C-alpha cells in the first residue's frame, strides 16, 4: 500500500482505505474523504488539485491489490474532469460531492462494491421451481 519505497503508510492513506472499505453509504464515504483531504481556507475547507490527486492515488491502491488499478494518467484525467469549468485552484465540498455522485470511471468500483454489499441483505419470498 505504501506509495513510496520507504515501507511506511501515511495515516491519511490508511484512513482513506478504511473509509472506502467500510459498509457506509457512498455519500458518507465521499464526505469523509473530503474531511480527510481538504485544506482549511478561512471558514471553508477546499480540495486542491494535489489533494484530489493524492486521494485518487491512495484509493487506486485498493483495486491494484487485485490487479485492477488504473494508470497515473487515469488519475490526472479524473482530476482535470473534476476541475472542469472551475477558475479557482480548489473546490468546495458541494462541487466535490457532485463530481463523485456522477460516478467517475476512476472510482466506479467504489459505488459498485456498495451496491453488491447492499444486495446481500435483500431477501425475496419467491421460490424457484
N, C-alpha and C. Protein backbone atom coordinates (compact mmCIF):
# COMPACT_ATOMS: atom_id res chain seq x y z
N UNK A 1 0.80 -1.21 0.00
CA UNK A 1 0.00 0.00 0.00
C UNK A 1 0.84 1.27 0.00
N UNK A 2 2.04 1.25 0.56
CA UNK A 2 2.81 2.50 0.56
C UNK A 2 3.18 2.93 -0.85
N UNK A 3 2.96 4.23 -1.16
CA UNK A 3 3.27 4.74 -2.49
C UNK A 3 4.76 4.92 -2.68
N UNK A 4 5.47 5.25 -1.61
CA UNK A 4 6.92 5.41 -1.72
C UNK A 4 7.58 4.09 -1.35
N UNK A 5 8.86 4.00 -1.63
CA UNK A 5 9.58 2.77 -1.33
C UNK A 5 10.08 2.68 0.09
N UNK A 6 9.57 3.52 0.97
CA UNK A 6 10.06 3.57 2.35
C UNK A 6 9.49 2.47 3.23
N UNK A 7 8.36 1.91 2.83
CA UNK A 7 7.72 0.89 3.65
C UNK A 7 6.76 1.47 4.67
N UNK A 8 6.62 2.78 4.70
CA UNK A 8 5.70 3.44 5.61
C UNK A 8 4.40 3.81 4.88
N UNK A 9 3.30 3.69 5.60
CA UNK A 9 2.00 4.06 5.05
C UNK A 9 1.56 5.33 5.76
N UNK A 10 1.15 6.33 4.98
CA UNK A 10 0.67 7.57 5.56
C UNK A 10 -0.68 7.32 6.24
N UNK A 11 -0.89 7.98 7.36
CA UNK A 11 -2.15 7.81 8.10
C UNK A 11 -3.34 8.18 7.23
N UNK A 12 -3.22 9.24 6.45
CA UNK A 12 -4.30 9.66 5.58
C UNK A 12 -4.63 8.58 4.55
N UNK A 13 -3.62 7.93 4.02
CA UNK A 13 -3.83 6.86 3.04
C UNK A 13 -4.53 5.67 3.68
N UNK A 14 -4.11 5.31 4.87
CA UNK A 14 -4.74 4.19 5.59
C UNK A 14 -6.19 4.54 5.93
N UNK A 15 -6.44 5.78 6.34
CA UNK A 15 -7.81 6.20 6.66
C UNK A 15 -8.68 6.14 5.41
N UNK A 16 -8.16 6.56 4.27
CA UNK A 16 -8.93 6.51 3.02
C UNK A 16 -9.30 5.08 2.68
N UNK A 17 -8.37 4.16 2.87
CA UNK A 17 -8.65 2.75 2.59
C UNK A 17 -9.72 2.21 3.52
N UNK A 18 -9.63 2.54 4.80
CA UNK A 18 -10.62 2.06 5.76
C UNK A 18 -12.01 2.64 5.47
N UNK A 19 -12.04 3.91 5.11
CA UNK A 19 -13.32 4.54 4.75
C UNK A 19 -13.91 3.85 3.53
N UNK A 20 -13.07 3.64 2.51
CA UNK A 20 -13.54 3.03 1.26
C UNK A 20 -14.08 1.63 1.50
N UNK A 21 -13.47 0.89 2.40
CA UNK A 21 -13.87 -0.49 2.64
C UNK A 21 -14.95 -0.64 3.71
N UNK A 22 -15.37 0.47 4.29
CA UNK A 22 -16.42 0.41 5.30
C UNK A 22 -17.77 0.11 4.65
N UNK A 23 -18.74 -0.24 5.43
CA UNK A 23 -20.07 -0.55 4.91
C UNK A 23 -20.97 0.67 4.82
N UNK A 24 -20.42 1.85 5.00
CA UNK A 24 -21.21 3.07 4.95
C UNK A 24 -21.66 3.39 3.53
N UNK A 25 -22.60 4.30 3.39
CA UNK A 25 -23.10 4.68 2.08
C UNK A 25 -22.03 5.44 1.31
N UNK A 26 -22.11 5.43 -0.02
CA UNK A 26 -21.13 6.19 -0.80
C UNK A 26 -21.08 7.66 -0.42
N UNK A 27 -22.21 8.30 -0.18
CA UNK A 27 -22.22 9.71 0.17
C UNK A 27 -21.48 9.97 1.49
N UNK A 28 -21.69 9.11 2.46
CA UNK A 28 -20.98 9.25 3.74
C UNK A 28 -19.48 9.08 3.53
N UNK A 29 -19.09 8.14 2.68
CA UNK A 29 -17.67 7.95 2.37
C UNK A 29 -17.10 9.18 1.68
N UNK A 30 -17.84 9.74 0.73
CA UNK A 30 -17.36 10.91 -0.01
C UNK A 30 -17.16 12.09 0.94
N UNK A 31 -18.07 12.27 1.88
CA UNK A 31 -17.94 13.36 2.86
C UNK A 31 -16.70 13.14 3.74
N UNK A 32 -16.47 11.90 4.12
CA UNK A 32 -15.29 11.59 4.94
C UNK A 32 -14.00 11.83 4.16
N UNK A 33 -13.99 11.45 2.88
CA UNK A 33 -12.81 11.72 2.05
C UNK A 33 -12.52 13.22 2.02
N UNK A 34 -13.58 14.00 1.85
CA UNK A 34 -13.40 15.45 1.81
C UNK A 34 -12.79 15.95 3.11
N UNK A 35 -13.30 15.48 4.23
CA UNK A 35 -12.79 15.93 5.53
C UNK A 35 -11.31 15.58 5.71
N UNK A 36 -10.90 14.42 5.23
CA UNK A 36 -9.50 14.00 5.39
C UNK A 36 -8.55 14.70 4.44
N UNK A 37 -8.99 15.05 3.26
CA UNK A 37 -8.09 15.58 2.24
C UNK A 37 -8.23 17.09 2.01
N UNK A 38 -9.27 17.71 2.53
CA UNK A 38 -9.47 19.14 2.33
C UNK A 38 -8.49 19.95 3.17
N UNK A 39 -8.22 21.14 2.69
CA UNK A 39 -7.36 22.06 3.43
C UNK A 39 -8.22 23.24 3.86
N UNK A 40 -8.01 23.73 5.08
CA UNK A 40 -8.81 24.86 5.55
C UNK A 40 -8.43 26.15 4.80
N UNK A 41 -9.43 26.94 4.49
CA UNK A 41 -9.21 28.23 3.83
C UNK A 41 -10.19 29.21 4.45
N UNK A 42 -9.80 29.79 5.55
CA UNK A 42 -10.70 30.68 6.29
C UNK A 42 -11.79 29.88 6.96
N UNK A 43 -13.03 30.18 6.62
CA UNK A 43 -14.17 29.50 7.24
C UNK A 43 -14.62 28.27 6.47
N UNK A 44 -14.02 28.01 5.31
CA UNK A 44 -14.40 26.85 4.50
C UNK A 44 -13.20 25.94 4.30
N UNK A 45 -13.50 24.73 3.90
CA UNK A 45 -12.45 23.77 3.55
C UNK A 45 -12.54 23.54 2.05
N UNK A 46 -11.39 23.31 1.44
CA UNK A 46 -11.32 23.15 -0.01
C UNK A 46 -10.46 21.96 -0.38
N UNK A 47 -10.77 21.36 -1.52
CA UNK A 47 -9.92 20.30 -2.09
C UNK A 47 -9.12 20.94 -3.22
N UNK A 48 -7.82 20.80 -3.15
CA UNK A 48 -6.94 21.32 -4.20
C UNK A 48 -6.69 20.23 -5.24
N UNK A 49 -6.07 20.63 -6.34
CA UNK A 49 -5.68 19.65 -7.37
C UNK A 49 -4.81 18.56 -6.76
N UNK A 50 -3.80 18.97 -6.01
CA UNK A 50 -2.87 17.98 -5.46
C UNK A 50 -3.54 17.08 -4.42
N UNK A 51 -4.45 17.65 -3.62
CA UNK A 51 -5.16 16.83 -2.63
C UNK A 51 -6.04 15.79 -3.32
N UNK A 52 -6.73 16.20 -4.38
CA UNK A 52 -7.57 15.25 -5.12
C UNK A 52 -6.71 14.18 -5.78
N UNK A 53 -5.59 14.58 -6.34
CA UNK A 53 -4.67 13.62 -6.96
C UNK A 53 -4.18 12.61 -5.92
N UNK A 54 -3.85 13.09 -4.72
CA UNK A 54 -3.40 12.19 -3.65
C UNK A 54 -4.51 11.23 -3.23
N UNK A 55 -5.74 11.74 -3.10
CA UNK A 55 -6.87 10.90 -2.74
C UNK A 55 -7.09 9.80 -3.77
N UNK A 56 -7.12 10.17 -5.04
CA UNK A 56 -7.37 9.19 -6.10
C UNK A 56 -6.24 8.17 -6.18
N UNK A 57 -5.02 8.63 -5.99
CA UNK A 57 -3.87 7.71 -6.00
C UNK A 57 -3.96 6.74 -4.83
N UNK A 58 -4.32 7.25 -3.66
CA UNK A 58 -4.47 6.38 -2.49
C UNK A 58 -5.59 5.35 -2.71
N UNK A 59 -6.73 5.81 -3.21
CA UNK A 59 -7.86 4.90 -3.41
C UNK A 59 -7.57 3.86 -4.49
N UNK A 60 -6.74 4.20 -5.45
CA UNK A 60 -6.42 3.24 -6.51
C UNK A 60 -5.48 2.14 -6.06
N UNK A 61 -4.97 2.24 -4.84
CA UNK A 61 -4.17 1.15 -4.29
C UNK A 61 -5.04 -0.06 -3.97
N UNK A 62 -6.31 0.19 -3.70
CA UNK A 62 -7.22 -0.92 -3.33
C UNK A 62 -7.49 -1.83 -4.52
N UNK A 63 -7.96 -1.33 -5.67
CA UNK A 63 -8.14 -2.24 -6.81
C UNK A 63 -6.82 -2.78 -7.35
N UNK A 64 -5.72 -2.09 -7.07
CA UNK A 64 -4.41 -2.57 -7.54
C UNK A 64 -4.06 -3.91 -6.88
N UNK A 65 -4.56 -4.12 -5.69
CA UNK A 65 -4.27 -5.37 -4.98
C UNK A 65 -4.80 -6.57 -5.76
N UNK A 66 -5.91 -6.39 -6.47
CA UNK A 66 -6.47 -7.48 -7.26
C UNK A 66 -6.18 -7.31 -8.75
N UNK A 67 -5.19 -6.47 -9.07
CA UNK A 67 -4.76 -6.31 -10.45
C UNK A 67 -5.67 -5.46 -11.31
N UNK A 68 -6.44 -4.58 -10.71
CA UNK A 68 -7.39 -3.76 -11.47
C UNK A 68 -7.09 -2.27 -11.36
N UNK A 69 -5.85 -1.91 -11.14
CA UNK A 69 -5.55 -0.49 -10.97
C UNK A 69 -5.58 0.25 -12.29
N UNK A 70 -5.77 1.55 -12.20
CA UNK A 70 -5.70 2.37 -13.40
C UNK A 70 -4.34 3.06 -13.42
N UNK A 71 -4.01 3.65 -14.53
CA UNK A 71 -2.72 4.29 -14.69
C UNK A 71 -2.72 5.66 -14.04
N UNK A 72 -1.54 6.23 -13.92
CA UNK A 72 -1.41 7.56 -13.36
C UNK A 72 -2.12 8.58 -14.24
N UNK A 73 -2.12 8.34 -15.55
CA UNK A 73 -2.82 9.27 -16.45
C UNK A 73 -4.32 9.24 -16.20
N UNK A 74 -4.84 8.12 -15.77
CA UNK A 74 -6.26 7.99 -15.43
C UNK A 74 -6.60 8.92 -14.25
N UNK A 75 -5.71 8.99 -13.29
CA UNK A 75 -5.88 9.88 -12.14
C UNK A 75 -5.84 11.33 -12.60
N UNK A 76 -4.92 11.65 -13.49
CA UNK A 76 -4.80 13.02 -14.00
C UNK A 76 -6.04 13.42 -14.79
N UNK A 77 -6.56 12.53 -15.60
CA UNK A 77 -7.77 12.81 -16.38
C UNK A 77 -8.95 13.06 -15.43
N UNK A 78 -9.07 12.24 -14.40
CA UNK A 78 -10.17 12.39 -13.43
C UNK A 78 -10.04 13.72 -12.68
N UNK A 79 -8.83 14.07 -12.30
CA UNK A 79 -8.60 15.34 -11.61
C UNK A 79 -9.00 16.51 -12.50
N UNK A 80 -8.57 16.46 -13.75
CA UNK A 80 -8.92 17.51 -14.71
C UNK A 80 -10.44 17.59 -14.90
N UNK A 81 -11.09 16.44 -14.97
CA UNK A 81 -12.54 16.38 -15.15
C UNK A 81 -13.25 17.02 -13.96
N UNK A 82 -12.79 16.76 -12.76
CA UNK A 82 -13.41 17.32 -11.56
C UNK A 82 -13.31 18.85 -11.55
N UNK A 83 -12.20 19.37 -12.04
CA UNK A 83 -11.97 20.81 -12.01
C UNK A 83 -12.41 21.51 -13.30
N UNK A 84 -13.07 20.78 -14.19
CA UNK A 84 -13.55 21.39 -15.43
C UNK A 84 -14.52 22.53 -15.12
N UNK A 85 -14.26 23.68 -15.72
CA UNK A 85 -15.11 24.85 -15.52
C UNK A 85 -14.86 25.60 -14.23
N UNK A 86 -13.89 25.17 -13.44
CA UNK A 86 -13.57 25.83 -12.18
C UNK A 86 -12.39 26.77 -12.41
N UNK A 87 -12.55 28.02 -12.02
CA UNK A 87 -11.49 29.00 -12.23
C UNK A 87 -10.49 29.03 -11.08
N UNK A 88 -10.90 28.57 -9.92
CA UNK A 88 -10.03 28.58 -8.75
C UNK A 88 -9.12 27.36 -8.73
N UNK A 89 -8.15 27.38 -7.83
CA UNK A 89 -7.24 26.25 -7.71
C UNK A 89 -7.76 25.19 -6.75
N UNK A 90 -8.93 25.41 -6.18
CA UNK A 90 -9.52 24.46 -5.24
C UNK A 90 -11.04 24.52 -5.35
N UNK A 91 -11.69 23.46 -4.89
CA UNK A 91 -13.15 23.38 -4.96
C UNK A 91 -13.75 23.16 -3.58
N UNK A 92 -14.99 23.56 -3.44
CA UNK A 92 -15.71 23.38 -2.18
C UNK A 92 -16.31 21.97 -2.14
N UNK A 93 -16.80 21.61 -0.98
CA UNK A 93 -17.33 20.26 -0.77
C UNK A 93 -18.46 19.91 -1.72
N UNK A 94 -19.37 20.84 -1.97
CA UNK A 94 -20.52 20.53 -2.82
C UNK A 94 -20.11 20.18 -4.24
N UNK A 95 -19.13 20.89 -4.78
CA UNK A 95 -18.62 20.58 -6.12
C UNK A 95 -17.95 19.21 -6.13
N UNK A 96 -17.19 18.92 -5.09
CA UNK A 96 -16.51 17.63 -4.93
C UNK A 96 -17.53 16.50 -4.87
N UNK A 97 -18.57 16.68 -4.05
CA UNK A 97 -19.60 15.64 -3.92
C UNK A 97 -20.38 15.46 -5.21
N UNK A 98 -20.66 16.56 -5.88
CA UNK A 98 -21.38 16.49 -7.15
C UNK A 98 -20.58 15.68 -8.18
N UNK A 99 -19.29 15.91 -8.23
CA UNK A 99 -18.44 15.18 -9.17
C UNK A 99 -18.42 13.69 -8.82
N UNK A 100 -18.30 13.36 -7.54
CA UNK A 100 -18.27 11.95 -7.13
C UNK A 100 -19.60 11.26 -7.37
N UNK A 101 -20.71 11.98 -7.21
CA UNK A 101 -22.03 11.39 -7.47
C UNK A 101 -22.21 11.04 -8.95
N UNK A 102 -21.46 11.67 -9.82
CA UNK A 102 -21.53 11.36 -11.24
C UNK A 102 -20.81 10.06 -11.58
N UNK A 103 -20.24 9.42 -10.57
CA UNK A 103 -19.53 8.14 -10.67
C UNK A 103 -18.43 8.17 -11.72
N UNK A 104 -17.35 8.93 -11.43
CA UNK A 104 -16.22 8.97 -12.37
C UNK A 104 -15.61 7.58 -12.54
N UNK A 105 -15.14 7.31 -13.73
CA UNK A 105 -14.63 5.97 -14.06
C UNK A 105 -13.51 5.51 -13.13
N UNK A 106 -12.69 6.43 -12.70
CA UNK A 106 -11.55 6.07 -11.85
C UNK A 106 -12.01 5.48 -10.51
N UNK A 107 -13.21 5.83 -10.07
CA UNK A 107 -13.72 5.32 -8.79
C UNK A 107 -15.02 4.53 -8.94
N UNK A 108 -15.28 4.04 -10.11
CA UNK A 108 -16.52 3.30 -10.35
C UNK A 108 -16.63 2.07 -9.46
N UNK A 109 -15.52 1.52 -9.06
CA UNK A 109 -15.53 0.34 -8.21
C UNK A 109 -16.14 0.62 -6.83
N UNK A 110 -16.04 1.86 -6.37
CA UNK A 110 -16.50 2.18 -5.02
C UNK A 110 -18.02 2.07 -4.86
N UNK A 111 -18.84 2.74 -5.67
CA UNK A 111 -20.29 2.54 -5.53
C UNK A 111 -20.73 1.15 -5.95
N UNK A 112 -19.99 0.52 -6.85
CA UNK A 112 -20.33 -0.84 -7.27
C UNK A 112 -20.18 -1.80 -6.09
N UNK A 113 -19.10 -1.66 -5.35
CA UNK A 113 -18.90 -2.51 -4.16
C UNK A 113 -20.00 -2.30 -3.14
N UNK A 114 -20.42 -1.04 -2.97
CA UNK A 114 -21.51 -0.76 -2.03
C UNK A 114 -22.80 -1.43 -2.49
N UNK A 115 -23.09 -1.36 -3.77
CA UNK A 115 -24.32 -1.98 -4.29
C UNK A 115 -24.30 -3.49 -4.08
N UNK A 116 -23.15 -4.09 -4.30
CA UNK A 116 -23.03 -5.53 -4.07
C UNK A 116 -23.24 -5.86 -2.60
N UNK A 117 -22.65 -5.07 -1.72
CA UNK A 117 -22.81 -5.26 -0.29
C UNK A 117 -24.28 -5.10 0.12
N UNK A 118 -24.93 -4.06 -0.41
CA UNK A 118 -26.32 -3.78 -0.04
C UNK A 118 -27.27 -4.88 -0.52
N UNK A 119 -26.99 -5.49 -1.66
CA UNK A 119 -27.89 -6.52 -2.17
C UNK A 119 -27.75 -7.84 -1.42
N UNK A 120 -26.70 -8.01 -0.65
CA UNK A 120 -26.57 -9.22 0.15
C UNK A 120 -27.69 -9.34 1.18
N UNK A 121 -28.20 -8.21 1.61
CA UNK A 121 -29.23 -8.20 2.65
C UNK A 121 -30.65 -8.36 2.08
N UNK A 122 -30.79 -8.37 0.79
CA UNK A 122 -32.11 -8.48 0.17
C UNK A 122 -32.56 -9.93 0.17
N UNK A 123 -33.79 -10.14 0.59
CA UNK A 123 -34.35 -11.49 0.50
C UNK A 123 -35.71 -11.40 -0.18
N UNK A 124 -36.01 -12.39 -0.97
CA UNK A 124 -37.28 -12.41 -1.70
C UNK A 124 -38.09 -13.60 -1.21
N UNK A 125 -39.39 -13.45 -1.22
CA UNK A 125 -40.26 -14.52 -0.77
C UNK A 125 -40.60 -15.51 -1.89
N UNK A 126 -40.05 -15.30 -3.05
CA UNK A 126 -40.35 -16.18 -4.19
C UNK A 126 -39.55 -17.48 -4.07
N UNK A 127 -40.17 -18.57 -4.56
CA UNK A 127 -39.48 -19.86 -4.58
C UNK A 127 -39.20 -20.24 -6.02
N UNK A 128 -38.07 -20.85 -6.24
CA UNK A 128 -37.73 -21.31 -7.58
C UNK A 128 -38.24 -22.73 -7.76
N UNK A 129 -38.68 -23.08 -8.95
CA UNK A 129 -39.14 -24.44 -9.21
C UNK A 129 -38.36 -24.99 -10.38
